[in-house]
Amino acid sequence: MKLLTIILAGTAIAAGITYVTRKRTDGTSILDELTNKAPEWMEKGKQYATQTIDQIRQRNTDKS
Protein backbone atom coordinates (compact mmCIF):
# COMPACT_ATOMS: atom_id res chain seq x y z
CA MET A 1 0.00 0.00 0.00
CA LYS A 2 2.85 2.35 0.82
CA LEU A 3 4.45 1.68 -2.57
CA LEU A 4 1.18 2.56 -4.31
CA THR A 5 1.00 5.83 -2.38
CA ILE A 6 4.56 6.71 -3.40
CA ILE A 7 3.82 5.88 -7.05
CA LEU A 8 0.66 8.01 -7.02
CA ALA A 9 2.45 10.92 -5.35
CA GLY A 10 5.28 10.72 -7.90
CA THR A 11 2.81 10.65 -10.76
CA ALA A 12 0.97 13.67 -9.38
CA ILE A 13 4.21 15.60 -8.97
CA ALA A 14 5.33 14.73 -12.50
CA ALA A 15 1.96 15.80 -13.91
CA GLY A 16 2.15 19.08 -11.99
CA ILE A 17 5.65 19.82 -13.25
CA THR A 18 4.58 19.05 -16.80
CA TYR A 19 1.57 21.35 -16.48
CA VAL A 20 3.56 24.24 -15.02
CA THR A 21 6.37 24.00 -17.58
CA ARG A 22 4.21 23.41 -20.67
CA LYS A 23 4.45 26.25 -23.18
CA ARG A 24 1.27 28.12 -24.08
CA THR A 25 0.38 29.57 -27.46
CA ASP A 26 2.31 32.76 -26.69
CA GLY A 27 5.48 30.75 -26.01
CA THR A 28 5.55 31.24 -22.25
CA SER A 29 4.72 28.87 -19.43
CA ILE A 30 3.20 29.32 -16.01
CA LEU A 31 6.68 28.89 -14.55
CA ASP A 32 7.98 31.73 -16.74
CA GLU A 33 5.18 33.96 -15.49
CA LEU A 34 5.87 33.07 -11.85
CA THR A 35 9.60 33.66 -12.32
CA ASN A 36 9.01 37.07 -13.90
CA LYS A 37 6.61 38.20 -11.16
CA ALA A 38 8.64 36.89 -8.20
CA PRO A 39 10.70 40.09 -7.66
CA GLU A 40 7.51 42.19 -7.65
CA TRP A 41 5.91 39.87 -5.10
CA MET A 42 9.05 39.93 -2.94
CA GLU A 43 8.97 43.73 -2.90
CA LYS A 44 5.29 43.75 -1.94
CA GLY A 45 6.01 41.21 0.79
CA LYS A 46 8.84 43.33 2.18
CA GLN A 47 6.61 46.42 2.21
CA TYR A 48 3.85 44.50 3.97
CA ALA A 49 6.28 43.11 6.55
CA THR A 50 7.74 46.55 7.22
CA GLN A 51 4.27 48.05 7.58
CA THR A 52 3.19 45.29 9.97
CA ILE A 53 6.33 45.64 12.10
CA ASP A 54 5.79 49.41 12.28
CA GLN A 55 2.19 48.89 13.41
CA ILE A 56 3.27 46.45 16.12
CA ARG A 57 5.95 48.83 17.33
CA GLN A 58 3.42 51.67 17.39
CA ARG A 59 0.98 49.57 19.48
CA ASN A 60 3.74 48.66 21.92
CA THR A 61 4.74 52.32 22.21
CA ASP A 62 1.13 53.38 22.83
CA LYS A 63 0.71 50.80 25.63
CA SER A 64 3.78 52.05 27.50
PDB file of N, CA and C in Angstrom:
ATOM      1  N   MET A   1       0.823  -1.194   0.000  1.00  0.00           N
ATOM      2  CA  MET A   1       0.000   0.000   0.000  1.00  0.00           C
ATOM      3  C   MET A   1       0.866   1.256   0.000  1.00  0.00           C
ATOM      4  N   LYS A   2       1.970   1.201   0.757  1.00  0.00           N
ATOM      5  CA  LYS A   2       2.854   2.351   0.823  1.00  0.00           C
ATOM      6  C   LYS A   2       3.497   2.618  -0.539  1.00  0.00           C
ATOM      7  N   LEU A   3       3.849   1.541  -1.236  1.00  0.00           N
ATOM      8  CA  LEU A   3       4.445   1.683  -2.568  1.00  0.00           C
ATOM      9  C   LEU A   3       3.454   2.336  -3.532  1.00  0.00           C
ATOM     10  N   LEU A   4       2.199   1.962  -3.457  1.00  0.00           N
ATOM     11  CA  LEU A   4       1.177   2.556  -4.311  1.00  0.00           C
ATOM     12  C   LEU A   4       1.022   4.050  -4.020  1.00  0.00           C
ATOM     13  N   THR A   5       1.086   4.417  -2.762  1.00  0.00           N
ATOM     14  CA  THR A   5       0.998   5.826  -2.377  1.00  0.00           C
ATOM     15  C   THR A   5       2.171   6.615  -2.950  1.00  0.00           C
ATOM     16  N   ILE A   6       3.368   6.044  -2.868  1.00  0.00           N
ATOM     17  CA  ILE A   6       4.559   6.709  -3.400  1.00  0.00           C
ATOM     18  C   ILE A   6       4.452   6.857  -4.917  1.00  0.00           C
ATOM     19  N   ILE A   7       3.980   5.825  -5.582  1.00  0.00           N
ATOM     20  CA  ILE A   7       3.821   5.884  -7.046  1.00  0.00           C
ATOM     21  C   ILE A   7       2.797   6.949  -7.425  1.00  0.00           C
ATOM     22  N   LEU A   8       1.685   7.009  -6.722  1.00  0.00           N
ATOM     23  CA  LEU A   8       0.657   8.012  -7.017  1.00  0.00           C
ATOM     24  C   LEU A   8       1.165   9.422  -6.749  1.00  0.00           C
ATOM     25  N   ALA A   9       1.901   9.597  -5.666  1.00  0.00           N
ATOM     26  CA  ALA A   9       2.450  10.915  -5.355  1.00  0.00           C
ATOM     27  C   ALA A   9       3.452  11.334  -6.422  1.00  0.00           C
ATOM     28  N   GLY A  10       4.317  10.428  -6.842  1.00  0.00           N
ATOM     29  CA  GLY A  10       5.284  10.721  -7.903  1.00  0.00           C
ATOM     30  C   GLY A  10       4.613  11.079  -9.213  1.00  0.00           C
ATOM     31  N   THR A  11       3.554  10.369  -9.545  1.00  0.00           N
ATOM     32  CA  THR A  11       2.807  10.649 -10.764  1.00  0.00           C
ATOM     33  C   THR A  11       2.158  12.021 -10.700  1.00  0.00           C
ATOM     34  N   ALA A  12       1.598  12.358  -9.551  1.00  0.00           N
ATOM     35  CA  ALA A  12       0.966  13.672  -9.384  1.00  0.00           C
ATOM     36  C   ALA A  12       1.999  14.787  -9.491  1.00  0.00           C
ATOM     37  N   ILE A  13       3.150  14.589  -8.897  1.00  0.00           N
ATOM     38  CA  ILE A  13       4.208  15.597  -8.971  1.00  0.00           C
ATOM     39  C   ILE A  13       4.685  15.768 -10.406  1.00  0.00           C
ATOM     40  N   ALA A  14       4.885  14.661 -11.105  1.00  0.00           N
ATOM     41  CA  ALA A  14       5.329  14.729 -12.499  1.00  0.00           C
ATOM     42  C   ALA A  14       4.290  15.435 -13.372  1.00  0.00           C
ATOM     43  N   ALA A  15       3.021  15.145 -13.142  1.00  0.00           N
ATOM     44  CA  ALA A  15       1.962  15.803 -13.912  1.00  0.00           C
ATOM     45  C   ALA A  15       1.933  17.297 -13.611  1.00  0.00           C
ATOM     46  N   GLY A  16       2.128  17.666 -12.362  1.00  0.00           N
ATOM     47  CA  GLY A  16       2.153  19.079 -11.988  1.00  0.00           C
ATOM     48  C   GLY A  16       3.314  19.814 -12.630  1.00  0.00           C
ATOM     49  N   ILE A  17       4.479  19.206 -12.628  1.00  0.00           N
ATOM     50  CA  ILE A  17       5.647  19.822 -13.252  1.00  0.00           C
ATOM     51  C   ILE A  17       5.426  19.981 -14.750  1.00  0.00           C
ATOM     52  N   THR A  18       4.871  18.975 -15.370  1.00  0.00           N
ATOM     53  CA  THR A  18       4.582  19.054 -16.803  1.00  0.00           C
ATOM     54  C   THR A  18       3.601  20.181 -17.096  1.00  0.00           C
ATOM     55  N   TYR A  19       2.574  20.310 -16.275  1.00  0.00           N
ATOM     56  CA  TYR A  19       1.570  21.352 -16.480  1.00  0.00           C
ATOM     57  C   TYR A  19       2.177  22.741 -16.327  1.00  0.00           C
ATOM     58  N   VAL A  20       2.991  22.928 -15.303  1.00  0.00           N
ATOM     59  CA  VAL A  20       3.559  24.244 -15.021  1.00  0.00           C
ATOM     60  C   VAL A  20       4.598  24.642 -16.065  1.00  0.00           C
ATOM     61  N   THR A  21       5.314  23.683 -16.620  1.00  0.00           N
ATOM     62  CA  THR A  21       6.374  24.000 -17.578  1.00  0.00           C
ATOM     63  C   THR A  21       5.922  23.936 -19.034  1.00  0.00           C
ATOM     64  N   ARG A  22       4.703  23.516 -19.290  1.00  0.00           N
ATOM     65  CA  ARG A  22       4.208  23.411 -20.669  1.00  0.00           C
ATOM     66  C   ARG A  22       4.052  24.806 -21.277  1.00  0.00           C
ATOM     67  N   LYS A  23       4.516  24.958 -22.489  1.00  0.00           N
ATOM     68  CA  LYS A  23       4.452  26.247 -23.177  1.00  0.00           C
ATOM     69  C   LYS A  23       3.033  26.485 -23.698  1.00  0.00           C
ATOM     70  N   ARG A  24       2.589  27.728 -23.568  1.00  0.00           N
ATOM     71  CA  ARG A  24       1.273  28.120 -24.081  1.00  0.00           C
ATOM     72  C   ARG A  24       1.434  28.639 -25.501  1.00  0.00           C
ATOM     73  N   THR A  25       0.341  29.100 -26.077  1.00  0.00           N
ATOM     74  CA  THR A  25       0.383  29.570 -27.463  1.00  0.00           C
ATOM     75  C   THR A  25       1.273  30.786 -27.636  1.00  0.00           C
ATOM     76  N   ASP A  26       1.452  31.583 -26.584  1.00  0.00           N
ATOM     77  CA  ASP A  26       2.308  32.759 -26.686  1.00  0.00           C
ATOM     78  C   ASP A  26       3.784  32.438 -26.430  1.00  0.00           C
ATOM     79  N   GLY A  27       4.102  31.170 -26.188  1.00  0.00           N
ATOM     80  CA  GLY A  27       5.482  30.748 -26.008  1.00  0.00           C
ATOM     81  C   GLY A  27       5.989  30.809 -24.587  1.00  0.00           C
ATOM     82  N   THR A  28       5.139  31.183 -23.655  1.00  0.00           N
ATOM     83  CA  THR A  28       5.549  31.236 -22.251  1.00  0.00           C
ATOM     84  C   THR A  28       4.841  30.127 -21.473  1.00  0.00           C
ATOM     85  N   SER A  29       5.349  29.864 -20.296  1.00  0.00           N
ATOM     86  CA  SER A  29       4.724  28.867 -19.426  1.00  0.00           C
ATOM     87  C   SER A  29       4.315  29.538 -18.122  1.00  0.00           C
ATOM     88  N   ILE A  30       3.592  28.801 -17.321  1.00  0.00           N
ATOM     89  CA  ILE A  30       3.196  29.318 -16.014  1.00  0.00           C
ATOM     90  C   ILE A  30       4.446  29.579 -15.177  1.00  0.00           C
ATOM     91  N   LEU A  31       5.434  28.711 -15.290  1.00  0.00           N
ATOM     92  CA  LEU A  31       6.676  28.889 -14.551  1.00  0.00           C
ATOM     93  C   LEU A  31       7.388  30.171 -14.970  1.00  0.00           C
ATOM     94  N   ASP A  32       7.386  30.480 -16.260  1.00  0.00           N
ATOM     95  CA  ASP A  32       7.977  31.732 -16.736  1.00  0.00           C
ATOM     96  C   ASP A  32       7.272  32.935 -16.103  1.00  0.00           C
ATOM     97  N   GLU A  33       5.967  32.868 -16.063  1.00  0.00           N
ATOM     98  CA  GLU A  33       5.181  33.955 -15.486  1.00  0.00           C
ATOM     99  C   GLU A  33       5.481  34.128 -14.000  1.00  0.00           C
ATOM    100  N   LEU A  34       5.548  33.012 -13.271  1.00  0.00           N
ATOM    101  CA  LEU A  34       5.868  33.072 -11.849  1.00  0.00           C
ATOM    102  C   LEU A  34       7.274  33.620 -11.627  1.00  0.00           C
ATOM    103  N   THR A  35       8.214  33.201 -12.444  1.00  0.00           N
ATOM    104  CA  THR A  35       9.597  33.664 -12.319  1.00  0.00           C
ATOM    105  C   THR A  35       9.696  35.157 -12.590  1.00  0.00           C
ATOM    106  N   ASN A  36       8.967  35.646 -13.557  1.00  0.00           N
ATOM    107  CA  ASN A  36       9.011  37.071 -13.895  1.00  0.00           C
ATOM    108  C   ASN A  36       8.354  37.939 -12.822  1.00  0.00           C
ATOM    109  N   LYS A  37       7.342  37.418 -12.163  1.00  0.00           N
ATOM    110  CA  LYS A  37       6.615  38.202 -11.161  1.00  0.00           C
ATOM    111  C   LYS A  37       7.186  38.063  -9.759  1.00  0.00           C
ATOM    112  N   ALA A  38       8.098  37.140  -9.537  1.00  0.00           N
ATOM    113  CA  ALA A  38       8.641  36.894  -8.200  1.00  0.00           C
ATOM    114  C   ALA A  38       9.279  38.138  -7.572  1.00  0.00           C
ATOM    115  N   PRO A  39      10.114  38.904  -8.294  1.00  0.00           N
ATOM    116  CA  PRO A  39      10.698  40.093  -7.659  1.00  0.00           C
ATOM    117  C   PRO A  39       9.645  41.108  -7.207  1.00  0.00           C
ATOM    118  N   GLU A  40       8.607  41.268  -8.006  1.00  0.00           N
ATOM    119  CA  GLU A  40       7.514  42.186  -7.646  1.00  0.00           C
ATOM    120  C   GLU A  40       6.824  41.715  -6.373  1.00  0.00           C
ATOM    121  N   TRP A  41       6.572  40.422  -6.287  1.00  0.00           N
ATOM    122  CA  TRP A  41       5.912  39.873  -5.104  1.00  0.00           C
ATOM    123  C   TRP A  41       6.816  39.973  -3.875  1.00  0.00           C
ATOM    124  N   MET A  42       8.112  39.789  -4.059  1.00  0.00           N
ATOM    125  CA  MET A  42       9.051  39.931  -2.944  1.00  0.00           C
ATOM    126  C   MET A  42       9.029  41.360  -2.409  1.00  0.00           C
ATOM    127  N   GLU A  43       8.998  42.329  -3.311  1.00  0.00           N
ATOM    128  CA  GLU A  43       8.971  43.731  -2.905  1.00  0.00           C
ATOM    129  C   GLU A  43       7.679  44.042  -2.140  1.00  0.00           C
ATOM    130  N   LYS A  44       6.563  43.541  -2.641  1.00  0.00           N
ATOM    131  CA  LYS A  44       5.295  43.746  -1.944  1.00  0.00           C
ATOM    132  C   LYS A  44       5.311  43.086  -0.573  1.00  0.00           C
ATOM    133  N   GLY A  45       5.910  41.901  -0.487  1.00  0.00           N
ATOM    134  CA  GLY A  45       6.011  41.206   0.792  1.00  0.00           C
ATOM    135  C   GLY A  45       6.870  41.966   1.784  1.00  0.00           C
ATOM    136  N   LYS A  46       7.971  42.532   1.306  1.00  0.00           N
ATOM    137  CA  LYS A  46       8.838  43.326   2.177  1.00  0.00           C
ATOM    138  C   LYS A  46       8.106  44.566   2.688  1.00  0.00           C
ATOM    139  N   GLN A  47       7.366  45.230   1.803  1.00  0.00           N
ATOM    140  CA  GLN A  47       6.612  46.419   2.210  1.00  0.00           C
ATOM    141  C   GLN A  47       5.555  46.049   3.256  1.00  0.00           C
ATOM    142  N   TYR A  48       4.868  44.942   3.037  1.00  0.00           N
ATOM    143  CA  TYR A  48       3.847  44.501   3.974  1.00  0.00           C
ATOM    144  C   TYR A  48       4.470  44.164   5.326  1.00  0.00           C
ATOM    145  N   ALA A  49       5.605  43.465   5.306  1.00  0.00           N
ATOM    146  CA  ALA A  49       6.282  43.108   6.552  1.00  0.00           C
ATOM    147  C   ALA A  49       6.732  44.355   7.297  1.00  0.00           C
ATOM    148  N   THR A  50       7.297  45.308   6.589  1.00  0.00           N
ATOM    149  CA  THR A  50       7.737  46.550   7.218  1.00  0.00           C
ATOM    150  C   THR A  50       6.563  47.294   7.826  1.00  0.00           C
ATOM    151  N   GLN A  51       5.471  47.372   7.092  1.00  0.00           N
ATOM    152  CA  GLN A  51       4.275  48.054   7.585  1.00  0.00           C
ATOM    153  C   GLN A  51       3.731  47.357   8.838  1.00  0.00           C
ATOM    154  N   THR A  52       3.694  46.040   8.827  1.00  0.00           N
ATOM    155  CA  THR A  52       3.194  45.287   9.972  1.00  0.00           C
ATOM    156  C   THR A  52       4.083  45.482  11.188  1.00  0.00           C
ATOM    157  N   ILE A  53       5.388  45.436  10.990  1.00  0.00           N
ATOM    158  CA  ILE A  53       6.325  45.644  12.102  1.00  0.00           C
ATOM    159  C   ILE A  53       6.161  47.047  12.681  1.00  0.00           C
ATOM    160  N   ASP A  54       5.997  48.034  11.808  1.00  0.00           N
ATOM    161  CA  ASP A  54       5.794  49.409  12.284  1.00  0.00           C
ATOM    162  C   ASP A  54       4.511  49.532  13.109  1.00  0.00           C
ATOM    163  N   GLN A  55       3.445  48.850  12.667  1.00  0.00           N
ATOM    164  CA  GLN A  55       2.188  48.888  13.406  1.00  0.00           C
ATOM    165  C   GLN A  55       2.341  48.240  14.780  1.00  0.00           C
ATOM    166  N   ILE A  56       3.056  47.132  14.842  1.00  0.00           N
ATOM    167  CA  ILE A  56       3.266  46.454  16.118  1.00  0.00           C
ATOM    168  C   ILE A  56       4.097  47.330  17.047  1.00  0.00           C
ATOM    169  N   ARG A  57       5.128  47.944  16.516  1.00  0.00           N
ATOM    170  CA  ARG A  57       5.950  48.835  17.334  1.00  0.00           C
ATOM    171  C   ARG A  57       5.128  50.006  17.850  1.00  0.00           C
ATOM    172  N   GLN A  58       4.258  50.539  16.997  1.00  0.00           N
ATOM    173  CA  GLN A  58       3.418  51.667  17.392  1.00  0.00           C
ATOM    174  C   GLN A  58       2.469  51.258  18.523  1.00  0.00           C
ATOM    175  N   ARG A  59       1.878  50.059  18.433  1.00  0.00           N
ATOM    176  CA  ARG A  59       0.983  49.573  19.477  1.00  0.00           C
ATOM    177  C   ARG A  59       1.735  49.403  20.788  1.00  0.00           C
ATOM    178  N   ASN A  60       2.951  48.865  20.706  1.00  0.00           N
ATOM    179  CA  ASN A  60       3.740  48.661  21.923  1.00  0.00           C
ATOM    180  C   ASN A  60       4.133  50.003  22.538  1.00  0.00           C
ATOM    181  N   THR A  61       4.392  51.002  21.716  1.00  0.00           N
ATOM    182  CA  THR A  61       4.745  52.322  22.207  1.00  0.00           C
ATOM    183  C   THR A  61       3.532  52.981  22.869  1.00  0.00           C
ATOM    184  N   ASP A  62       2.352  52.796  22.275  1.00  0.00           N
ATOM    185  CA  ASP A  62       1.129  53.381  22.830  1.00  0.00           C
ATOM    186  C   ASP A  62       0.762  52.769  24.182  1.00  0.00           C
ATOM    187  N   LYS A  63       1.037  51.487  24.388  1.00  0.00           N
ATOM    188  CA  LYS A  63       0.705  50.802  25.632  1.00  0.00           C
ATOM    189  C   LYS A  63       1.618  51.230  26.767  1.00  0.00           C
ATOM    190  N   SER A  64       2.812  51.678  26.443  1.00  0.00           N
ATOM    191  CA  SER A  64       3.780  52.047  27.496  1.00  0.00           C
ATOM    192  C   SER A  64       3.494  53.391  28.102  1.00  0.00           C
TER     193      SER A  64
END
